[in-house]
Amino acid sequence: LASQAAVPDRFPVAGFEHGEIFVVTATGVGDDPAAGGPTLGAACPNPFRGSTEIAFAAPAGRGSVRASVHDLRGRLVARLEVGRDRAGTLVWDGRSEDGSEVPPSVYFVRLTDGTAEAHTRVVKLR
């Protein structure tokens, strides 16, 4: 309608940094932020109650592979066992570093190989 003023587009947000968690939007057209870097598959099951598994892979010839779980504020919740292989499955039992069960929430799994990293999101239920 002519009486309605055009509303300007909001500023697009390409990503933001919060603690150690990086969120970057992707269009799916030519975007591959982790090209040549480590990869994380989808968590299964997700959401989960007891434990969840996440397939991972990291290219050879890079630094040591490490995996960790972080809360919404970016704080370390748990370190996950990776082993010596550069591909396999990460398992998180929904517990923190001290062995206590974490509350229901959204958590971020981070995989690093010394030069690059990958992230995925998991949801823990009661």
N, C-alpha and C. Protein backbone atom coordinates (compact mmCIF):
# COMPACT_ATOMS: atom_id res chain seq x y z
N LEU A 1 0.83 -1.18 0.00
CA LEU A 1 0.00 0.00 0.00
C LEU A 1 0.87 1.24 0.00
N ALA A 2 0.40 2.28 -0.66
CA ALA A 2 1.17 3.52 -0.76
C ALA A 2 1.31 4.21 0.58
N SER A 3 0.35 3.99 1.50
CA SER A 3 0.41 4.66 2.79
C SER A 3 1.43 4.03 3.75
N GLN A 4 1.88 2.82 3.44
CA GLN A 4 2.85 2.17 4.30
C GLN A 4 4.26 2.53 3.84
N ALA A 5 5.05 3.05 4.75
CA ALA A 5 6.42 3.39 4.42
C ALA A 5 7.24 2.10 4.30
N ALA A 6 8.20 2.12 3.43
CA ALA A 6 9.07 0.95 3.27
C ALA A 6 9.93 0.79 4.51
N VAL A 7 9.98 -0.40 5.01
CA VAL A 7 10.79 -0.69 6.18
C VAL A 7 12.17 -1.12 5.71
N PRO A 8 13.22 -0.41 6.14
CA PRO A 8 14.56 -0.78 5.69
C PRO A 8 14.94 -2.16 6.22
N ASP A 9 15.75 -2.86 5.43
CA ASP A 9 16.24 -4.16 5.87
C ASP A 9 17.10 -3.99 7.10
N ARG A 10 17.02 -4.96 7.97
CA ARG A 10 17.87 -4.95 9.14
C ARG A 10 19.28 -5.32 8.70
N PHE A 11 20.24 -4.96 9.51
CA PHE A 11 21.62 -5.31 9.19
C PHE A 11 21.77 -6.81 9.24
N PRO A 12 22.32 -7.41 8.20
CA PRO A 12 22.51 -8.86 8.23
C PRO A 12 23.63 -9.23 9.22
N VAL A 13 23.44 -10.32 9.89
CA VAL A 13 24.44 -10.79 10.84
C VAL A 13 25.12 -12.00 10.23
N ALA A 14 26.39 -11.86 9.90
CA ALA A 14 27.14 -12.95 9.29
C ALA A 14 27.63 -13.93 10.35
N GLY A 15 27.73 -13.51 11.57
CA GLY A 15 28.19 -14.39 12.63
C GLY A 15 28.48 -13.56 13.87
N PHE A 16 28.76 -14.22 14.95
CA PHE A 16 29.15 -13.52 16.16
C PHE A 16 30.07 -14.42 16.97
N GLU A 17 30.83 -13.81 17.85
CA GLU A 17 31.76 -14.56 18.68
C GLU A 17 31.32 -14.44 20.12
N HIS A 18 31.27 -15.58 20.82
CA HIS A 18 30.88 -15.59 22.22
C HIS A 18 31.74 -16.62 22.93
N GLY A 19 32.65 -16.17 23.72
CA GLY A 19 33.54 -17.12 24.39
C GLY A 19 34.34 -17.88 23.35
N GLU A 20 34.29 -19.19 23.40
CA GLU A 20 35.00 -20.01 22.43
C GLU A 20 34.08 -20.59 21.38
N ILE A 21 32.81 -20.19 21.38
CA ILE A 21 31.85 -20.72 20.42
C ILE A 21 31.68 -19.70 19.30
N PHE A 22 31.81 -20.14 18.07
CA PHE A 22 31.65 -19.28 16.92
C PHE A 22 30.45 -19.75 16.12
N VAL A 23 29.53 -18.87 15.84
CA VAL A 23 28.36 -19.20 15.06
C VAL A 23 28.44 -18.42 13.76
N VAL A 24 28.42 -19.12 12.65
CA VAL A 24 28.52 -18.48 11.35
C VAL A 24 27.36 -18.98 10.49
N THR A 25 26.62 -18.05 9.92
CA THR A 25 25.53 -18.46 9.05
C THR A 25 26.10 -18.92 7.72
N ALA A 26 25.41 -19.84 7.08
CA ALA A 26 25.85 -20.35 5.78
C ALA A 26 24.65 -20.37 4.84
N THR A 27 24.88 -20.06 3.60
CA THR A 27 23.80 -20.06 2.63
C THR A 27 23.62 -21.42 1.99
N GLY A 28 24.69 -22.24 2.02
CA GLY A 28 24.64 -23.53 1.37
C GLY A 28 25.03 -23.45 -0.09
N VAL A 29 25.32 -22.25 -0.58
CA VAL A 29 25.72 -22.06 -1.97
C VAL A 29 27.18 -21.64 -1.98
N GLY A 30 28.05 -22.60 -2.17
CA GLY A 30 29.48 -22.29 -2.22
C GLY A 30 30.11 -22.04 -0.87
N ASP A 31 29.36 -22.15 0.21
CA ASP A 31 29.91 -21.95 1.54
C ASP A 31 30.43 -23.27 2.08
N ASP A 32 31.66 -23.29 2.47
CA ASP A 32 32.24 -24.46 3.12
C ASP A 32 33.30 -23.97 4.08
N PRO A 33 32.89 -23.44 5.27
CA PRO A 33 33.83 -22.84 6.18
C PRO A 33 34.90 -23.80 6.68
N ALA A 34 34.62 -25.09 6.64
CA ALA A 34 35.58 -26.05 7.16
C ALA A 34 36.28 -26.81 6.03
N ALA A 35 36.37 -26.21 4.84
CA ALA A 35 36.99 -26.90 3.71
C ALA A 35 38.39 -27.37 4.09
N GLY A 36 38.59 -28.66 4.01
CA GLY A 36 39.89 -29.22 4.34
C GLY A 36 40.14 -29.35 5.83
N GLY A 37 39.22 -28.94 6.65
CA GLY A 37 39.39 -29.00 8.09
C GLY A 37 38.62 -30.15 8.69
N PRO A 38 38.56 -30.21 10.02
CA PRO A 38 37.82 -31.28 10.68
C PRO A 38 36.32 -31.15 10.43
N THR A 39 35.63 -32.27 10.51
CA THR A 39 34.18 -32.26 10.32
C THR A 39 33.49 -33.04 11.43
N LEU A 40 32.30 -32.61 11.76
CA LEU A 40 31.44 -33.29 12.72
C LEU A 40 30.13 -33.62 12.03
N GLY A 41 29.65 -34.83 12.22
CA GLY A 41 28.35 -35.21 11.70
C GLY A 41 27.27 -34.77 12.66
N ALA A 42 26.06 -35.11 12.35
CA ALA A 42 24.93 -34.81 13.23
C ALA A 42 24.95 -35.75 14.43
N ALA A 43 24.58 -35.24 15.58
CA ALA A 43 24.50 -36.06 16.78
C ALA A 43 23.32 -37.02 16.66
N CYS A 44 23.50 -38.22 17.18
CA CYS A 44 22.44 -39.21 17.11
C CYS A 44 22.40 -40.00 18.42
N PRO A 45 21.34 -39.99 19.16
CA PRO A 45 20.12 -39.20 18.93
C PRO A 45 20.34 -37.74 19.33
N ASN A 46 19.51 -36.90 18.80
CA ASN A 46 19.53 -35.49 19.15
C ASN A 46 18.13 -34.94 18.91
N PRO A 47 17.42 -34.57 19.96
CA PRO A 47 17.82 -34.48 21.36
C PRO A 47 18.03 -35.86 21.99
N PHE A 48 18.74 -35.86 23.13
CA PHE A 48 19.07 -37.11 23.80
C PHE A 48 18.83 -37.03 25.29
N ARG A 49 18.72 -38.19 25.91
CA ARG A 49 18.55 -38.27 27.37
C ARG A 49 19.78 -38.87 28.04
N GLY A 50 20.24 -40.02 27.59
CA GLY A 50 21.36 -40.71 28.23
C GLY A 50 22.70 -40.33 27.65
N SER A 51 22.92 -40.67 26.38
CA SER A 51 24.16 -40.32 25.70
C SER A 51 23.87 -40.08 24.23
N THR A 52 24.81 -39.44 23.57
CA THR A 52 24.69 -39.16 22.14
C THR A 52 26.02 -39.44 21.46
N GLU A 53 25.96 -39.78 20.19
CA GLU A 53 27.16 -40.08 19.42
C GLU A 53 27.25 -39.14 18.23
N ILE A 54 28.50 -38.74 17.89
CA ILE A 54 28.72 -37.81 16.79
C ILE A 54 29.91 -38.30 15.98
N ALA A 55 29.68 -38.57 14.70
CA ALA A 55 30.77 -38.99 13.81
C ALA A 55 31.69 -37.80 13.57
N PHE A 56 33.02 -38.06 13.48
CA PHE A 56 33.96 -36.99 13.21
C PHE A 56 35.07 -37.47 12.28
N ALA A 57 35.72 -36.51 11.66
CA ALA A 57 36.89 -36.79 10.83
C ALA A 57 37.78 -35.56 10.84
N ALA A 58 39.09 -35.79 10.82
CA ALA A 58 40.06 -34.70 10.77
C ALA A 58 41.16 -35.11 9.79
N PRO A 59 41.54 -34.21 8.89
CA PRO A 59 42.57 -34.55 7.91
C PRO A 59 43.90 -34.88 8.57
N ALA A 60 44.66 -35.74 7.93
CA ALA A 60 46.00 -36.10 8.42
C ALA A 60 46.95 -34.93 8.23
N GLY A 61 48.05 -34.97 8.95
CA GLY A 61 49.08 -33.97 8.79
C GLY A 61 48.83 -32.67 9.53
N ARG A 62 47.93 -32.69 10.46
CA ARG A 62 47.65 -31.49 11.26
C ARG A 62 47.94 -31.80 12.72
N GLY A 63 47.62 -30.86 13.60
CA GLY A 63 47.86 -31.03 15.02
C GLY A 63 46.99 -32.11 15.62
N SER A 64 47.14 -32.29 16.92
CA SER A 64 46.35 -33.31 17.62
C SER A 64 44.88 -32.92 17.61
N VAL A 65 44.03 -33.95 17.56
CA VAL A 65 42.58 -33.74 17.51
C VAL A 65 42.05 -33.72 18.94
N ARG A 66 41.25 -32.70 19.24
CA ARG A 66 40.62 -32.58 20.56
C ARG A 66 39.15 -32.27 20.39
N ALA A 67 38.35 -32.79 21.30
CA ALA A 67 36.91 -32.53 21.27
C ALA A 67 36.45 -32.10 22.66
N SER A 68 35.50 -31.18 22.69
CA SER A 68 34.99 -30.68 23.97
C SER A 68 33.53 -30.28 23.81
N VAL A 69 32.85 -30.20 24.96
CA VAL A 69 31.45 -29.78 25.01
C VAL A 69 31.41 -28.47 25.79
N HIS A 70 30.63 -27.50 25.28
CA HIS A 70 30.51 -26.19 25.92
C HIS A 70 29.05 -25.85 26.12
N ASP A 71 28.78 -25.05 27.15
CA ASP A 71 27.41 -24.62 27.40
C ASP A 71 27.08 -23.39 26.55
N LEU A 72 25.90 -22.84 26.73
CA LEU A 72 25.46 -21.70 25.93
C LEU A 72 26.31 -20.45 26.14
N ARG A 73 27.00 -20.37 27.26
CA ARG A 73 27.85 -19.22 27.53
C ARG A 73 29.28 -19.45 27.08
N GLY A 74 29.55 -20.62 26.47
CA GLY A 74 30.88 -20.91 25.96
C GLY A 74 31.81 -21.55 26.98
N ARG A 75 31.30 -21.86 28.16
CA ARG A 75 32.14 -22.48 29.20
C ARG A 75 32.33 -23.96 28.93
N LEU A 76 33.53 -24.44 29.21
CA LEU A 76 33.84 -25.86 29.04
C LEU A 76 32.99 -26.69 30.00
N VAL A 77 32.32 -27.69 29.46
CA VAL A 77 31.51 -28.60 30.26
C VAL A 77 32.24 -29.94 30.39
N ALA A 78 32.75 -30.46 29.27
CA ALA A 78 33.41 -31.77 29.28
C ALA A 78 34.38 -31.88 28.11
N ARG A 79 35.42 -32.68 28.31
CA ARG A 79 36.32 -33.06 27.22
C ARG A 79 35.91 -34.46 26.78
N LEU A 80 35.93 -34.68 25.47
CA LEU A 80 35.52 -35.98 24.94
C LEU A 80 36.75 -36.75 24.48
N GLU A 81 36.71 -38.05 24.64
CA GLU A 81 37.81 -38.93 24.23
C GLU A 81 37.83 -39.05 22.71
N VAL A 82 38.98 -38.75 22.13
CA VAL A 82 39.12 -38.83 20.67
C VAL A 82 39.94 -40.04 20.28
N GLY A 83 40.94 -40.39 21.05
CA GLY A 83 41.82 -41.50 20.70
C GLY A 83 42.86 -41.06 19.69
N ARG A 84 43.56 -42.00 19.10
CA ARG A 84 44.62 -41.67 18.15
C ARG A 84 44.12 -41.58 16.72
N ASP A 85 42.95 -42.12 16.46
CA ASP A 85 42.41 -42.09 15.10
C ASP A 85 42.00 -40.67 14.73
N ARG A 86 42.03 -40.38 13.46
CA ARG A 86 41.63 -39.06 12.97
C ARG A 86 40.20 -39.09 12.44
N ALA A 87 39.52 -40.21 12.67
CA ALA A 87 38.11 -40.34 12.31
C ALA A 87 37.48 -41.38 13.23
N GLY A 88 36.22 -41.22 13.47
CA GLY A 88 35.53 -42.16 14.35
C GLY A 88 34.24 -41.57 14.89
N THR A 89 33.94 -41.93 16.13
CA THR A 89 32.70 -41.49 16.76
C THR A 89 33.01 -40.93 18.15
N LEU A 90 32.52 -39.74 18.41
CA LEU A 90 32.59 -39.15 19.75
C LEU A 90 31.36 -39.59 20.51
N VAL A 91 31.51 -39.87 21.79
CA VAL A 91 30.37 -40.23 22.63
C VAL A 91 30.36 -39.29 23.83
N TRP A 92 29.21 -38.66 24.06
CA TRP A 92 29.05 -37.84 25.26
C TRP A 92 27.90 -38.40 26.07
N ASP A 93 28.18 -38.67 27.35
CA ASP A 93 27.20 -39.27 28.24
C ASP A 93 26.36 -38.24 29.00
N GLY A 94 26.44 -36.98 28.62
CA GLY A 94 25.64 -35.95 29.28
C GLY A 94 26.16 -35.57 30.65
N ARG A 95 27.44 -35.83 30.88
CA ARG A 95 28.05 -35.52 32.18
C ARG A 95 29.15 -34.47 32.01
N SER A 96 29.40 -33.76 33.09
CA SER A 96 30.43 -32.73 33.09
C SER A 96 31.79 -33.35 33.43
N GLU A 97 32.81 -32.53 33.47
CA GLU A 97 34.17 -32.97 33.80
C GLU A 97 34.24 -33.69 35.15
N ASP A 98 33.45 -33.25 36.12
CA ASP A 98 33.49 -33.86 37.45
C ASP A 98 32.59 -35.10 37.58
N GLY A 99 31.95 -35.49 36.47
CA GLY A 99 31.12 -36.70 36.48
C GLY A 99 29.67 -36.49 36.82
N SER A 100 29.30 -35.23 37.13
CA SER A 100 27.89 -34.98 37.46
C SER A 100 27.08 -34.78 36.19
N GLU A 101 25.81 -35.18 36.26
CA GLU A 101 24.92 -35.03 35.10
C GLU A 101 24.61 -33.56 34.89
N VAL A 102 24.70 -33.10 33.63
CA VAL A 102 24.42 -31.69 33.34
C VAL A 102 22.92 -31.50 33.18
N PRO A 103 22.45 -30.27 33.40
CA PRO A 103 21.01 -30.02 33.27
C PRO A 103 20.56 -30.03 31.81
N PRO A 104 19.27 -30.21 31.58
CA PRO A 104 18.74 -30.13 30.21
C PRO A 104 19.05 -28.75 29.62
N SER A 105 19.56 -28.73 28.40
CA SER A 105 19.90 -27.47 27.74
C SER A 105 20.44 -27.77 26.35
N VAL A 106 20.85 -26.72 25.67
CA VAL A 106 21.55 -26.83 24.39
C VAL A 106 23.04 -26.77 24.71
N TYR A 107 23.81 -27.64 24.09
CA TYR A 107 25.26 -27.67 24.27
C TYR A 107 25.92 -27.69 22.90
N PHE A 108 27.16 -27.22 22.85
CA PHE A 108 27.91 -27.18 21.60
C PHE A 108 29.11 -28.10 21.70
N VAL A 109 29.30 -28.93 20.70
CA VAL A 109 30.45 -29.82 20.63
C VAL A 109 31.44 -29.17 19.68
N ARG A 110 32.69 -29.09 20.12
CA ARG A 110 33.76 -28.44 19.35
C ARG A 110 34.85 -29.46 19.07
N LEU A 111 35.27 -29.55 17.81
CA LEU A 111 36.34 -30.45 17.40
C LEU A 111 37.44 -29.58 16.79
N THR A 112 38.67 -29.69 17.30
CA THR A 112 39.79 -28.92 16.77
C THR A 112 40.92 -29.86 16.38
N ASP A 113 41.69 -29.42 15.38
CA ASP A 113 42.85 -30.22 14.96
C ASP A 113 44.13 -29.39 14.93
N GLY A 114 44.16 -28.33 15.70
CA GLY A 114 45.34 -27.49 15.78
C GLY A 114 45.30 -26.29 14.85
N THR A 115 44.64 -26.41 13.69
CA THR A 115 44.60 -25.30 12.74
C THR A 115 43.18 -24.88 12.40
N ALA A 116 42.23 -25.75 12.59
CA ALA A 116 40.83 -25.44 12.24
C ALA A 116 39.91 -26.13 13.24
N GLU A 117 38.65 -25.79 13.17
CA GLU A 117 37.68 -26.41 14.09
C GLU A 117 36.33 -26.58 13.42
N ALA A 118 35.53 -27.45 14.03
CA ALA A 118 34.17 -27.70 13.58
C ALA A 118 33.28 -27.70 14.82
N HIS A 119 32.01 -27.37 14.63
CA HIS A 119 31.05 -27.31 15.74
C HIS A 119 29.76 -27.98 15.35
N THR A 120 29.06 -28.50 16.35
CA THR A 120 27.71 -28.97 16.16
C THR A 120 26.95 -28.74 17.47
N ARG A 121 25.64 -28.79 17.39
CA ARG A 121 24.78 -28.50 18.54
C ARG A 121 24.05 -29.77 18.96
N VAL A 122 23.96 -29.97 20.28
CA VAL A 122 23.19 -31.10 20.81
C VAL A 122 22.23 -30.55 21.86
N VAL A 123 21.11 -31.25 22.01
CA VAL A 123 20.11 -30.84 23.00
C VAL A 123 19.93 -31.97 23.99
N LYS A 124 20.18 -31.67 25.26
CA LYS A 124 20.02 -32.68 26.31
C LYS A 124 18.66 -32.48 26.96
N LEU A 125 17.90 -33.57 27.04
CA LEU A 125 16.59 -33.57 27.70
C LEU A 125 16.73 -34.13 29.11
N ARG A 126 15.67 -34.05 29.89
CA ARG A 126 15.68 -34.62 31.25
C ARG A 126 15.83 -36.10 31.23
